[in-house]
Amino acid sequence: MKKLSYLALGLSILSLTACNNANETASTDAAATDGSSEFAGPSRPECIAPAKPGGGFDLTCKLAQAGLKDTGILEDPMRVTYMPGGVGAVAYNKIVANDRSNEDAIIAFSTGSILNLSQGKFGKFTEQDVKWLAGVGTDYGAIAVNAESEIKTLPDLMSALKSDPKAVSFAAGGSVGGQDWMQTAILAKAAGVNPSDMTYVAMEGGGEAVTAVMGNHVNVVSAGIAELMPQASAGKLNVLAVFSEERLGGSMADIPTAIEQGYDVTWPVVRGFYMGPDVSPAAYDWWKQSFDTMLADPKFAEIREQQELLPFSMTGEELQAYVYKRTSELRELSAEYGLVEAQ
């Protein structure tokens, strides 16, 4: 608090000023204690995408960037910062260990982030070490091949896998045990193929994996459907299956599900944001209320649809409960595949 000093005033007025200052200090301290101090908004709003440009984290940040700007919540677009490493681990560790009270930054996460947390891939930190802010959309896992590939359908792929699992190479953003690996492992298991017999090429982000398939360096890319659609719509990729319960709408209406092709595989991909653990209650509430406002605005629904994402609106404590529950479920699934010890 700025200290006021009036050297020219008499002793009696100085005493009064000191008393008033003491009361004001006590009031400010009380506000800080109960979290009711004011927060006018971020001075340099930033969205951290924990991967290289072009993948799902990039898409997630761009979604918030456009949504907060176009709905009038932010006057200028927030900047997007790329922080690849460990498929989210580097960004998570930076925020939790070194930037705990950054009130300007939100960090993108996906179901893949939750999966990595469930497997202990973020080091000593767990899902309880950040403030979960908002879930803003969902898409589904999918697999695709180069449009000129000899593999034309999911049954073609499964036949090739059964014949020689090593001969079919998969690229995805993340290591063995990650989200994109997991959905191919579930698919392989449904076909009677041991996932450890597959050829898997781990890359830093879905954008690199898509590029690898388009360059014919690998046979199949595993990613979220929203990451694949730009190149699929351009005729450069052929999406063999989407891992949703039913066919999706719009430009994805012609893409068959794995289920309708005889393989019971589903994988929803939630996208959203978290903040540092020591962000003030006032700053967190400002961001939460901003996302609540954005999610309720029809303009944002249009932006989300343009990104090929489906509705998923969850903020604050509701999102935290969802993340905790989903982490527990994925920890059990990871144990089933031998990726972590059963608890």
Protein backbone atom coordinates (compact mmCIF):
# COMPACT_ATOMS: atom_id res chain seq x y z
CA MET A 1 0.00 0.00 0.00
CA LYS A 2 1.32 3.44 -0.86
CA LYS A 3 2.33 5.24 2.29
CA LEU A 4 1.08 8.80 2.62
CA SER A 5 3.36 11.42 4.17
CA TYR A 6 2.36 14.99 4.94
CA LEU A 7 5.45 16.62 6.47
CA ALA A 8 3.91 20.09 6.61
CA LEU A 9 0.96 19.12 8.77
CA GLY A 10 0.76 19.45 12.52
CA LEU A 11 1.32 16.70 15.03
CA SER A 12 -2.39 16.13 15.62
CA ILE A 13 -3.10 15.58 11.92
CA LEU A 14 -0.06 13.29 11.65
CA SER A 15 -1.50 11.18 14.43
CA LEU A 16 -4.86 11.00 12.67
CA THR A 17 -3.20 10.02 9.40
CA ALA A 18 -1.20 7.29 11.12
CA CYS A 19 -4.37 5.92 12.65
CA ASN A 20 -6.16 5.91 9.32
CA ASN A 21 -3.20 4.23 7.64
CA ALA A 22 -3.16 1.54 10.28
CA ASN A 23 -6.85 0.86 9.74
CA GLU A 24 -6.39 0.76 5.97
CA THR A 25 -3.46 -1.65 6.31
CA ALA A 26 -5.53 -3.95 8.47
CA SER A 27 -8.35 -3.81 5.94
CA THR A 28 -5.99 -4.63 3.07
CA ASP A 29 -4.46 -7.53 4.99
CA ALA A 30 -7.91 -8.92 5.70
CA ALA A 31 -8.81 -8.68 2.03
CA ALA A 32 -5.64 -10.53 1.10
CA THR A 33 -6.45 -13.23 3.63
CA ASP A 34 -9.97 -13.87 2.39
CA GLY A 35 -9.02 -13.60 -1.29
CA SER A 36 -11.31 -10.67 -2.02
CA SER A 37 -8.62 -8.29 -3.36
CA GLU A 38 -9.40 -6.87 -6.75
CA PHE A 39 -7.98 -8.16 -10.03
CA ALA A 40 -8.64 -6.01 -13.08
CA GLY A 41 -7.48 -8.60 -15.59
CA PRO A 42 -4.14 -9.85 -16.95
CA SER A 43 -1.57 -7.24 -17.99
CA ARG A 44 0.02 -9.53 -20.60
CA PRO A 45 -2.37 -12.43 -21.20
CA GLU A 46 -0.60 -15.56 -22.38
CA CYS A 47 -1.62 -19.08 -23.37
CA ILE A 48 1.13 -21.68 -23.09
CA ALA A 49 0.88 -24.52 -25.62
CA PRO A 50 3.06 -27.37 -24.28
CA ALA A 51 4.20 -28.54 -27.73
CA LYS A 52 5.42 -27.25 -31.06
CA PRO A 53 3.04 -25.31 -33.35
CA GLY A 54 0.41 -27.19 -35.32
CA GLY A 55 -0.91 -29.76 -32.88
CA GLY A 56 -3.78 -30.07 -30.44
CA PHE A 57 -2.31 -27.79 -27.76
CA ASP A 58 -1.80 -25.09 -30.39
CA LEU A 59 -5.42 -25.54 -31.47
CA THR A 60 -6.57 -25.26 -27.86
CA CYS A 61 -4.70 -21.99 -27.26
CA LYS A 62 -5.91 -20.54 -30.57
CA LEU A 63 -9.46 -21.41 -29.51
CA ALA A 64 -9.15 -19.36 -26.31
CA GLN A 65 -7.26 -16.62 -28.13
CA ALA A 66 -10.08 -16.14 -30.64
CA GLY A 67 -12.89 -16.75 -28.16
CA LEU A 68 -11.77 -14.24 -25.53
CA LYS A 69 -11.09 -11.61 -28.19
CA ASP A 70 -14.22 -12.05 -30.31
CA THR A 71 -16.56 -12.10 -27.31
CA GLY A 72 -15.07 -8.82 -26.07
CA ILE A 73 -13.49 -10.16 -22.88
CA LEU A 74 -9.97 -9.22 -23.97
CA GLU A 75 -9.38 -6.10 -26.05
CA ASP A 76 -6.26 -7.52 -27.68
CA PRO A 77 -5.56 -11.19 -28.48
CA MET A 78 -3.49 -13.06 -25.93
CA ARG A 79 -0.11 -14.27 -27.12
CA VAL A 80 0.54 -17.97 -27.62
CA THR A 81 3.83 -19.32 -26.28
CA TYR A 82 5.12 -22.74 -27.33
CA MET A 83 6.84 -24.82 -24.67
CA PRO A 84 7.49 -28.35 -26.03
CA GLY A 85 8.96 -31.09 -23.92
CA GLY A 86 7.65 -34.30 -22.43
CA VAL A 87 4.24 -33.83 -24.05
CA GLY A 88 3.29 -31.26 -21.41
CA ALA A 89 5.74 -32.19 -18.66
CA VAL A 90 8.09 -29.24 -19.21
CA ALA A 91 5.26 -26.69 -19.05
CA TYR A 92 3.66 -28.38 -16.03
CA ASN A 93 6.94 -28.45 -14.11
CA LYS A 94 7.73 -24.83 -15.01
CA ILE A 95 4.40 -23.59 -13.69
CA VAL A 96 4.36 -25.72 -10.54
CA ALA A 97 8.03 -25.35 -9.62
CA ASN A 98 9.05 -21.91 -10.91
CA ASP A 99 6.02 -19.81 -11.91
CA ARG A 100 3.38 -20.73 -9.36
CA SER A 101 1.65 -17.35 -9.06
CA ASN A 102 1.61 -16.22 -12.72
CA GLU A 103 -1.78 -14.51 -13.04
CA ASP A 104 -1.35 -13.73 -16.74
CA ALA A 105 -0.80 -17.30 -17.99
CA ILE A 106 -3.16 -20.14 -18.76
CA ILE A 107 -1.77 -23.48 -19.89
CA ALA A 108 -3.46 -25.83 -22.36
CA PHE A 109 -4.19 -29.42 -21.41
CA SER A 110 -5.98 -32.36 -22.97
CA THR A 111 -7.01 -35.86 -22.00
CA GLY A 112 -3.45 -36.80 -22.96
CA SER A 113 -2.14 -34.54 -20.20
CA ILE A 114 -4.40 -36.26 -17.69
CA LEU A 115 -3.20 -39.66 -18.93
CA ASN A 116 0.44 -38.64 -18.46
CA LEU A 117 -0.35 -37.41 -14.95
CA SER A 118 -2.00 -40.73 -14.17
CA GLN A 119 1.22 -42.50 -15.15
CA GLY A 120 3.55 -40.24 -13.17
CA LYS A 121 5.17 -38.77 -16.29
CA PHE A 122 5.17 -35.24 -14.86
CA GLY A 123 7.75 -36.14 -12.24
CA LYS A 124 6.83 -35.68 -8.60
CA PHE A 125 3.82 -33.52 -9.41
CA THR A 126 0.26 -34.83 -9.55
CA GLU A 127 -3.13 -33.65 -10.75
CA GLN A 128 -3.59 -31.86 -7.41
CA ASP A 129 -0.67 -29.46 -7.93
CA VAL A 130 -2.36 -26.91 -10.24
CA LYS A 131 -5.62 -24.98 -10.41
CA TRP A 132 -7.86 -26.48 -13.08
CA LEU A 133 -9.57 -23.60 -14.84
CA ALA A 134 -11.81 -24.47 -17.79
CA GLY A 135 -12.70 -27.18 -20.26
CA VAL A 136 -13.80 -25.58 -23.52
CA GLY A 137 -14.29 -28.32 -26.09
CA THR A 138 -13.88 -31.96 -26.95
CA ASP A 139 -12.97 -33.97 -29.96
CA TYR A 140 -12.23 -37.66 -30.45
CA GLY A 141 -9.23 -39.75 -31.26
CA ALA A 142 -8.82 -40.87 -34.84
CA ILE A 143 -6.37 -42.55 -37.19
CA ALA A 144 -5.50 -41.52 -40.72
CA VAL A 145 -3.19 -42.43 -43.60
CA ASN A 146 -1.76 -40.57 -46.54
CA ALA A 147 -4.51 -40.06 -49.12
CA GLU A 148 -2.42 -42.07 -51.60
CA SER A 149 -1.83 -44.98 -49.22
CA GLU A 150 -2.74 -48.52 -50.26
CA ILE A 151 -4.56 -48.76 -46.92
CA LYS A 152 -8.04 -47.45 -47.70
CA THR A 153 -10.18 -48.61 -44.77
CA LEU A 154 -9.89 -49.64 -41.14
CA PRO A 155 -10.37 -53.33 -42.08
CA ASP A 156 -7.42 -52.92 -44.49
CA LEU A 157 -5.29 -51.61 -41.63
CA MET A 158 -6.35 -54.33 -39.22
CA SER A 159 -5.62 -57.01 -41.81
CA ALA A 160 -2.13 -55.60 -42.33
CA LEU A 161 -1.54 -55.45 -38.57
CA LYS A 162 -2.59 -59.06 -38.09
CA SER A 163 -0.36 -60.15 -40.94
CA ASP A 164 2.77 -58.34 -39.71
CA PRO A 165 2.42 -55.80 -36.86
CA LYS A 166 6.01 -54.57 -37.28
CA ALA A 167 5.44 -53.69 -40.94
CA VAL A 168 2.86 -51.02 -40.15
CA SER A 169 4.34 -47.87 -38.59
CA PHE A 170 2.34 -45.46 -36.44
CA ALA A 171 3.32 -41.86 -35.70
CA ALA A 172 1.84 -39.82 -32.89
CA GLY A 173 2.61 -36.96 -30.57
CA GLY A 174 3.92 -38.54 -27.39
CA SER A 175 5.72 -41.58 -26.11
CA VAL A 176 4.58 -45.14 -25.49
CA GLY A 177 1.77 -44.96 -22.97
CA GLY A 178 0.62 -41.55 -24.14
CA GLN A 179 -2.85 -40.69 -25.37
CA ASP A 180 -2.26 -41.27 -29.07
CA TRP A 181 -0.37 -44.50 -28.37
CA MET A 182 -3.12 -45.65 -26.03
CA GLN A 183 -5.86 -45.37 -28.63
CA THR A 184 -3.83 -47.40 -31.13
CA ALA A 185 -3.01 -49.95 -28.42
CA ILE A 186 -6.70 -50.36 -27.63
CA LEU A 187 -7.39 -50.76 -31.34
CA ALA A 188 -4.62 -53.35 -31.72
CA LYS A 189 -5.86 -55.28 -28.71
CA ALA A 190 -9.36 -55.34 -30.22
CA ALA A 191 -7.82 -57.01 -33.28
CA GLY A 192 -5.91 -59.56 -31.21
CA VAL A 193 -2.52 -57.89 -31.74
CA ASN A 194 -0.10 -57.28 -28.86
CA PRO A 195 0.52 -53.49 -28.71
CA SER A 196 4.20 -54.09 -27.92
CA ASP A 197 4.58 -55.73 -31.33
CA MET A 198 3.56 -52.52 -33.15
CA THR A 199 6.01 -50.09 -34.70
CA TYR A 200 5.48 -46.76 -32.96
CA VAL A 201 7.30 -43.51 -33.75
CA ALA A 202 7.00 -40.95 -30.94
CA MET A 203 7.00 -37.28 -31.91
CA GLU A 204 6.70 -33.98 -30.08
CA GLY A 205 3.14 -32.99 -30.93
CA GLY A 206 0.44 -34.01 -33.36
CA GLY A 207 1.61 -31.52 -35.98
CA GLU A 208 4.88 -33.40 -36.48
CA ALA A 209 3.05 -36.72 -36.70
CA VAL A 210 0.71 -35.43 -39.40
CA THR A 211 3.68 -34.10 -41.36
CA ALA A 212 5.43 -37.49 -41.11
CA VAL A 213 2.47 -39.31 -42.65
CA MET A 214 2.05 -36.73 -45.39
CA GLY A 215 5.74 -37.17 -46.21
CA ASN A 216 5.34 -40.98 -46.34
CA HIS A 217 7.84 -41.45 -43.51
CA VAL A 218 5.31 -43.55 -41.58
CA ASN A 219 2.10 -45.34 -42.53
CA VAL A 220 -0.49 -44.17 -39.99
CA VAL A 221 -1.01 -41.13 -37.78
CA SER A 222 -2.88 -41.34 -34.48
CA ALA A 223 -4.24 -38.00 -33.23
CA GLY A 224 -7.38 -36.08 -32.39
CA ILE A 225 -9.87 -35.71 -35.22
CA ALA A 226 -9.67 -31.90 -35.00
CA GLU A 227 -5.91 -32.08 -35.66
CA LEU A 228 -6.47 -34.23 -38.75
CA MET A 229 -9.37 -32.41 -40.37
CA PRO A 230 -7.46 -29.51 -42.01
CA GLN A 231 -5.36 -31.92 -44.09
CA ALA A 232 -8.24 -34.37 -44.54
CA SER A 233 -10.43 -31.58 -45.90
CA ALA A 234 -7.59 -30.62 -48.24
CA GLY A 235 -7.54 -34.17 -49.62
CA LYS A 236 -4.09 -35.00 -48.22
CA LEU A 237 -5.19 -37.44 -45.51
CA ASN A 238 -7.69 -40.28 -45.44
CA VAL A 239 -9.24 -40.69 -41.98
CA LEU A 240 -9.89 -44.41 -41.49
CA ALA A 241 -11.90 -44.13 -38.27
CA VAL A 242 -12.95 -41.75 -35.53
CA PHE A 243 -13.15 -43.14 -31.99
CA SER A 244 -16.57 -41.74 -31.11
CA GLU A 245 -19.74 -43.57 -30.15
CA GLU A 246 -21.58 -42.27 -33.20
CA ARG A 247 -20.67 -40.42 -36.38
CA LEU A 248 -19.88 -36.77 -35.93
CA GLY A 249 -21.61 -34.00 -37.84
CA GLY A 250 -20.65 -31.32 -40.32
CA SER A 251 -17.54 -31.92 -42.38
CA MET A 252 -16.88 -35.13 -40.42
CA ALA A 253 -20.21 -36.79 -41.23
CA ASP A 254 -18.66 -39.14 -43.81
CA ILE A 255 -15.96 -40.45 -41.49
CA PRO A 256 -16.89 -43.91 -40.14
CA THR A 257 -16.48 -44.81 -36.48
CA ALA A 258 -14.37 -47.75 -35.38
CA ILE A 259 -17.49 -49.20 -33.76
CA GLU A 260 -19.47 -49.37 -36.99
CA GLN A 261 -16.50 -51.14 -38.59
CA GLY A 262 -16.52 -53.85 -35.95
CA TYR A 263 -14.06 -52.53 -33.36
CA ASP A 264 -15.37 -51.26 -30.02
CA VAL A 265 -12.93 -48.39 -29.53
CA THR A 266 -13.86 -44.94 -28.20
CA TRP A 267 -11.55 -42.14 -27.04
CA PRO A 268 -12.93 -38.67 -26.19
CA VAL A 269 -10.34 -35.88 -26.03
CA VAL A 270 -11.21 -33.01 -23.69
CA ARG A 271 -9.36 -29.71 -24.21
CA GLY A 272 -8.96 -26.96 -21.66
CA PHE A 273 -6.70 -24.93 -19.37
CA TYR A 274 -5.11 -24.83 -15.93
CA MET A 275 -3.21 -22.19 -13.92
CA GLY A 276 -0.43 -22.10 -11.34
CA PRO A 277 -1.18 -23.30 -7.80
CA ASP A 278 -0.48 -19.96 -6.10
CA VAL A 279 -2.52 -17.73 -8.39
CA SER A 280 -4.61 -15.44 -6.21
CA PRO A 281 -8.29 -16.29 -5.69
CA ALA A 282 -9.22 -12.94 -7.28
CA ALA A 283 -7.21 -13.64 -10.44
CA TYR A 284 -8.49 -17.20 -10.69
CA ASP A 285 -12.07 -16.00 -10.28
CA TRP A 286 -11.55 -13.37 -13.00
CA TRP A 287 -10.37 -16.03 -15.45
CA LYS A 288 -13.10 -18.48 -14.44
CA GLN A 289 -15.84 -15.89 -14.86
CA SER A 290 -14.33 -14.84 -18.19
CA PHE A 291 -14.46 -18.42 -19.45
CA ASP A 292 -18.01 -18.85 -18.12
CA THR A 293 -19.01 -15.76 -20.10
CA MET A 294 -17.16 -16.90 -23.22
CA LEU A 295 -18.60 -20.42 -23.11
CA ALA A 296 -22.15 -19.03 -22.91
CA ASP A 297 -21.68 -16.73 -25.90
CA PRO A 298 -23.03 -17.95 -29.30
CA LYS A 299 -19.99 -16.36 -30.95
CA PHE A 300 -17.75 -18.84 -29.17
CA ALA A 301 -19.94 -21.76 -30.24
CA GLU A 302 -19.27 -20.73 -33.84
CA ILE A 303 -15.53 -20.48 -33.24
CA ARG A 304 -15.47 -23.92 -31.60
CA GLU A 305 -17.39 -25.45 -34.49
CA GLN A 306 -14.98 -23.92 -36.99
CA GLN A 307 -12.18 -25.77 -35.18
CA GLU A 308 -14.09 -29.07 -35.60
CA LEU A 309 -14.62 -29.32 -31.83
CA LEU A 310 -17.75 -30.37 -29.97
CA PRO A 311 -19.25 -28.67 -26.88
CA PHE A 312 -17.68 -29.31 -23.50
CA SER A 313 -18.21 -26.53 -20.97
CA MET A 314 -16.86 -27.02 -17.48
CA THR A 315 -15.04 -24.61 -15.15
CA GLY A 316 -13.76 -24.30 -11.60
CA GLU A 317 -14.57 -26.96 -9.01
CA GLU A 318 -16.69 -28.94 -11.47
CA LEU A 319 -13.72 -29.29 -13.83
CA GLN A 320 -11.41 -30.16 -10.95
CA ALA A 321 -13.71 -33.00 -9.88
CA TYR A 322 -13.84 -34.25 -13.48
CA VAL A 323 -10.04 -34.20 -13.81
CA TYR A 324 -9.52 -36.04 -10.53
CA LYS A 325 -12.05 -38.72 -11.50
CA ARG A 326 -10.69 -39.13 -15.02
CA THR A 327 -7.12 -39.37 -13.73
CA SER A 328 -8.14 -42.23 -11.45
CA GLU A 329 -9.85 -44.04 -14.33
CA LEU A 330 -6.85 -43.65 -16.63
CA ARG A 331 -4.52 -44.84 -13.87
CA GLU A 332 -6.51 -48.07 -13.78
CA LEU A 333 -6.41 -48.39 -17.59
CA SER A 334 -2.65 -47.78 -17.61
CA ALA A 335 -2.20 -50.53 -15.03
CA GLU A 336 -4.17 -52.87 -17.30
CA TYR A 337 -1.62 -52.26 -20.05
CA GLY A 338 1.32 -52.67 -17.72
CA LEU A 339 2.33 -49.01 -17.87
CA VAL A 340 2.05 -48.44 -14.10
CA GLU A 341 1.74 -50.66 -11.09
CA ALA A 342 -1.79 -51.49 -10.05
CA GLN A 343 -2.87 -49.63 -6.91
